């Protein structure tokens, strides 16, 4: 079963959470309640 679209712990370890859109990780990230975009 695929993971549902939601915030999940960042698998890259750069931020607290990263958004999974149900298909892939997005650049949307969150740490300490502050959201932003990861500039990879």
PDB file of N, CA and C in Angstrom:
ATOM      1  N   UNK A   1       0.843  -1.190   0.000  1.00  0.00           N
ATOM      2  CA  UNK A   1       0.000   0.000   0.000  1.00  0.00           C
ATOM      3  C   UNK A   1       0.888   1.253   0.000  1.00  0.00           C
ATOM      4  N   UNK A   2       0.597   2.189  -0.835  1.00  0.00           N
ATOM      5  CA  UNK A   2       1.369   3.426  -0.933  1.00  0.00           C
ATOM      6  C   UNK A   2       1.061   4.349   0.241  1.00  0.00           C
ATOM      7  N   UNK A   3       2.033   5.170   0.581  1.00  0.00           N
ATOM      8  CA  UNK A   3       1.840   6.160   1.637  1.00  0.00           C
ATOM      9  C   UNK A   3       0.863   7.222   1.156  1.00  0.00           C
ATOM     10  N   UNK A   4      -0.063   7.649   2.008  1.00  0.00           N
ATOM     11  CA  UNK A   4      -0.977   8.722   1.623  1.00  0.00           C
ATOM     12  C   UNK A   4      -0.254  10.071   1.573  1.00  0.00           C
ATOM     13  N   UNK A   5      -0.810  10.977   0.805  1.00  0.00           N
ATOM     14  CA  UNK A   5      -0.259  12.338   0.737  1.00  0.00           C
ATOM     15  C   UNK A   5      -0.363  12.966   2.129  1.00  0.00           C
ATOM     16  N   UNK A   6       0.781  13.400   2.648  1.00  0.00           N
ATOM     17  CA  UNK A   6       0.815  13.973   3.998  1.00  0.00           C
ATOM     18  C   UNK A   6       2.237  14.398   4.314  1.00  0.00           C
ATOM     19  N   UNK A   7       2.389  15.069   5.460  1.00  0.00           N
ATOM     20  CA  UNK A   7       3.713  15.401   5.975  1.00  0.00           C
ATOM     21  C   UNK A   7       4.278  14.161   6.650  1.00  0.00           C
ATOM     22  N   UNK A   8       5.530  13.852   6.348  1.00  0.00           N
ATOM     23  CA  UNK A   8       6.221  12.699   6.927  1.00  0.00           C
ATOM     24  C   UNK A   8       7.623  13.152   7.334  1.00  0.00           C
ATOM     25  N   UNK A   9       8.269  12.422   8.265  1.00  0.00           N
ATOM     26  CA  UNK A   9       9.649  12.771   8.596  1.00  0.00           C
ATOM     27  C   UNK A   9      10.497  12.833   7.314  1.00  0.00           C
ATOM     28  N   UNK A  10      11.317  13.858   7.210  1.00  0.00           N
ATOM     29  CA  UNK A  10      12.126  14.073   6.018  1.00  0.00           C
ATOM     30  C   UNK A  10      13.112  12.922   5.836  1.00  0.00           C
ATOM     31  N   UNK A  11      12.968  12.123   4.765  1.00  0.00           N
ATOM     32  CA  UNK A  11      13.879  10.994   4.561  1.00  0.00           C
ATOM     33  C   UNK A  11      15.306  11.447   4.240  1.00  0.00           C
ATOM     34  N   UNK A  12      15.473  12.687   3.838  1.00  0.00           N
ATOM     35  CA  UNK A  12      16.802  13.213   3.532  1.00  0.00           C
ATOM     36  C   UNK A  12      17.500  13.750   4.772  1.00  0.00           C
ATOM     37  N   UNK A  13      16.735  13.899   5.872  1.00  0.00           N
ATOM     38  CA  UNK A  13      17.302  14.338   7.139  1.00  0.00           C
ATOM     39  C   UNK A  13      17.690  15.808   7.198  1.00  0.00           C
ATOM     40  N   UNK A  14      17.263  16.573   6.220  1.00  0.00           N
ATOM     41  CA  UNK A  14      17.620  17.996   6.191  1.00  0.00           C
ATOM     42  C   UNK A  14      16.642  18.848   6.997  1.00  0.00           C
ATOM     43  N   UNK A  15      15.404  18.406   7.106  1.00  0.00           N
ATOM     44  CA  UNK A  15      14.344  19.137   7.804  1.00  0.00           C
ATOM     45  C   UNK A  15      13.590  18.168   8.698  1.00  0.00           C
ATOM     46  N   UNK A  16      12.695  18.698   9.499  1.00  0.00           N
ATOM     47  CA  UNK A  16      11.899  17.845  10.383  1.00  0.00           C
ATOM     48  C   UNK A  16      10.885  17.027   9.575  1.00  0.00           C
ATOM     49  N   UNK A  17      10.182  17.694   8.646  1.00  0.00           N
ATOM     50  CA  UNK A  17       9.179  17.019   7.823  1.00  0.00           C
ATOM     51  C   UNK A  17       9.321  17.417   6.363  1.00  0.00           C
ATOM     52  N   UNK A  18       8.876  16.526   5.497  1.00  0.00           N
ATOM     53  CA  UNK A  18       8.828  16.808   4.058  1.00  0.00           C
ATOM     54  C   UNK A  18       7.491  16.275   3.569  1.00  0.00           C
ATOM     55  N   UNK A  19       6.914  16.970   2.581  1.00  0.00           N
ATOM     56  CA  UNK A  19       5.591  16.578   2.095  1.00  0.00           C
ATOM     57  C   UNK A  19       5.698  15.513   1.010  1.00  0.00           C
ATOM     58  N   UNK A  20       4.951  14.435   1.196  1.00  0.00           N
ATOM     59  CA  UNK A  20       4.829  13.349   0.233  1.00  0.00           C
ATOM     60  C   UNK A  20       3.485  13.546  -0.447  1.00  0.00           C
ATOM     61  N   UNK A  21       3.469  13.692  -1.786  1.00  0.00           N
ATOM     62  CA  UNK A  21       2.213  13.984  -2.490  1.00  0.00           C
ATOM     63  C   UNK A  21       1.434  12.731  -2.896  1.00  0.00           C
ATOM     64  N   UNK A  22       1.861  11.583  -2.404  1.00  0.00           N
ATOM     65  CA  UNK A  22       1.209  10.321  -2.735  1.00  0.00           C
ATOM     66  C   UNK A  22       1.946   9.574  -3.836  1.00  0.00           C
ATOM     67  N   UNK A  23       2.868  10.296  -4.504  1.00  0.00           N
ATOM     68  CA  UNK A  23       3.661   9.705  -5.578  1.00  0.00           C
ATOM     69  C   UNK A  23       5.151   9.950  -5.375  1.00  0.00           C
ATOM     70  N   UNK A  24       5.485  11.168  -4.923  1.00  0.00           N
ATOM     71  CA  UNK A  24       6.894  11.528  -4.757  1.00  0.00           C
ATOM     72  C   UNK A  24       7.053  12.575  -3.661  1.00  0.00           C
ATOM     73  N   UNK A  25       8.311  12.716  -3.174  1.00  0.00           N
ATOM     74  CA  UNK A  25       8.626  13.765  -2.215  1.00  0.00           C
ATOM     75  C   UNK A  25       8.636  15.094  -2.940  1.00  0.00           C
ATOM     76  N   UNK A  26       8.121  16.114  -2.284  1.00  0.00           N
ATOM     77  CA  UNK A  26       8.083  17.453  -2.873  1.00  0.00           C
ATOM     78  C   UNK A  26       9.156  18.320  -2.205  1.00  0.00           C
ATOM     79  N   UNK A  27       9.416  19.525  -2.708  1.00  0.00           N
ATOM     80  CA  UNK A  27      10.361  20.426  -2.046  1.00  0.00           C
ATOM     81  C   UNK A  27       9.754  21.145  -0.837  1.00  0.00           C
ATOM     82  N   UNK A  28       8.484  20.865  -0.524  1.00  0.00           N
ATOM     83  CA  UNK A  28       7.822  21.488   0.626  1.00  0.00           C
ATOM     84  C   UNK A  28       8.327  20.831   1.908  1.00  0.00           C
ATOM     85  N   UNK A  29       8.866  21.661   2.816  1.00  0.00           N
ATOM     86  CA  UNK A  29       9.460  21.161   4.048  1.00  0.00           C
ATOM     87  C   UNK A  29       8.958  21.956   5.251  1.00  0.00           C
ATOM     88  N   UNK A  30       9.182  21.400   6.435  1.00  0.00           N
ATOM     89  CA  UNK A  30       8.762  22.057   7.664  1.00  0.00           C
ATOM     90  C   UNK A  30       9.717  21.680   8.792  1.00  0.00           C
ATOM     91  N   UNK A  31      10.076  22.682   9.597  1.00  0.00           N
ATOM     92  CA  UNK A  31      10.880  22.468  10.804  1.00  0.00           C
ATOM     93  C   UNK A  31      10.361  23.426  11.855  1.00  0.00           C
ATOM     94  N   UNK A  32      10.055  22.901  13.027  1.00  0.00           N
ATOM     95  CA  UNK A  32       9.592  23.731  14.133  1.00  0.00           C
ATOM     96  C   UNK A  32       8.310  24.503  13.812  1.00  0.00           C
ATOM     97  N   UNK A  33       7.469  23.958  12.942  1.00  0.00           N
ATOM     98  CA  UNK A  33       6.215  24.601  12.587  1.00  0.00           C
ATOM     99  C   UNK A  33       6.331  25.634  11.477  1.00  0.00           C
ATOM    100  N   UNK A  34       7.563  25.905  11.025  1.00  0.00           N
ATOM    101  CA  UNK A  34       7.785  26.854   9.934  1.00  0.00           C
ATOM    102  C   UNK A  34       7.910  26.073   8.622  1.00  0.00           C
ATOM    103  N   UNK A  35       7.114  26.447   7.635  1.00  0.00           N
ATOM    104  CA  UNK A  35       7.177  25.755   6.349  1.00  0.00           C
ATOM    105  C   UNK A  35       7.994  26.553   5.355  1.00  0.00           C
ATOM    106  N   UNK A  36       8.468  25.865   4.342  1.00  0.00           N
ATOM    107  CA  UNK A  36       9.252  26.510   3.297  1.00  0.00           C
ATOM    108  C   UNK A  36       9.506  25.551   2.156  1.00  0.00           C
ATOM    109  N   UNK A  37      10.409  25.944   1.278  1.00  0.00           N
ATOM    110  CA  UNK A  37      10.777  25.146   0.117  1.00  0.00           C
ATOM    111  C   UNK A  37      12.261  24.781   0.235  1.00  0.00           C
ATOM    112  N   UNK A  38      12.560  23.519   0.006  1.00  0.00           N
ATOM    113  CA  UNK A  38      13.947  23.074  -0.005  1.00  0.00           C
ATOM    114  C   UNK A  38      14.556  23.431  -1.362  1.00  0.00           C
ATOM    115  N   UNK A  39      15.662  24.129  -1.335  1.00  0.00           N
ATOM    116  CA  UNK A  39      16.365  24.503  -2.577  1.00  0.00           C
ATOM    117  C   UNK A  39      17.522  23.544  -2.775  1.00  0.00           C
ATOM    118  N   UNK A  40      17.208  22.386  -3.227  1.00  0.00           N
ATOM    119  CA  UNK A  40      18.192  21.310  -3.413  1.00  0.00           C
ATOM    120  C   UNK A  40      19.201  21.708  -4.472  1.00  0.00           C
TER     121      UNK A  40
END
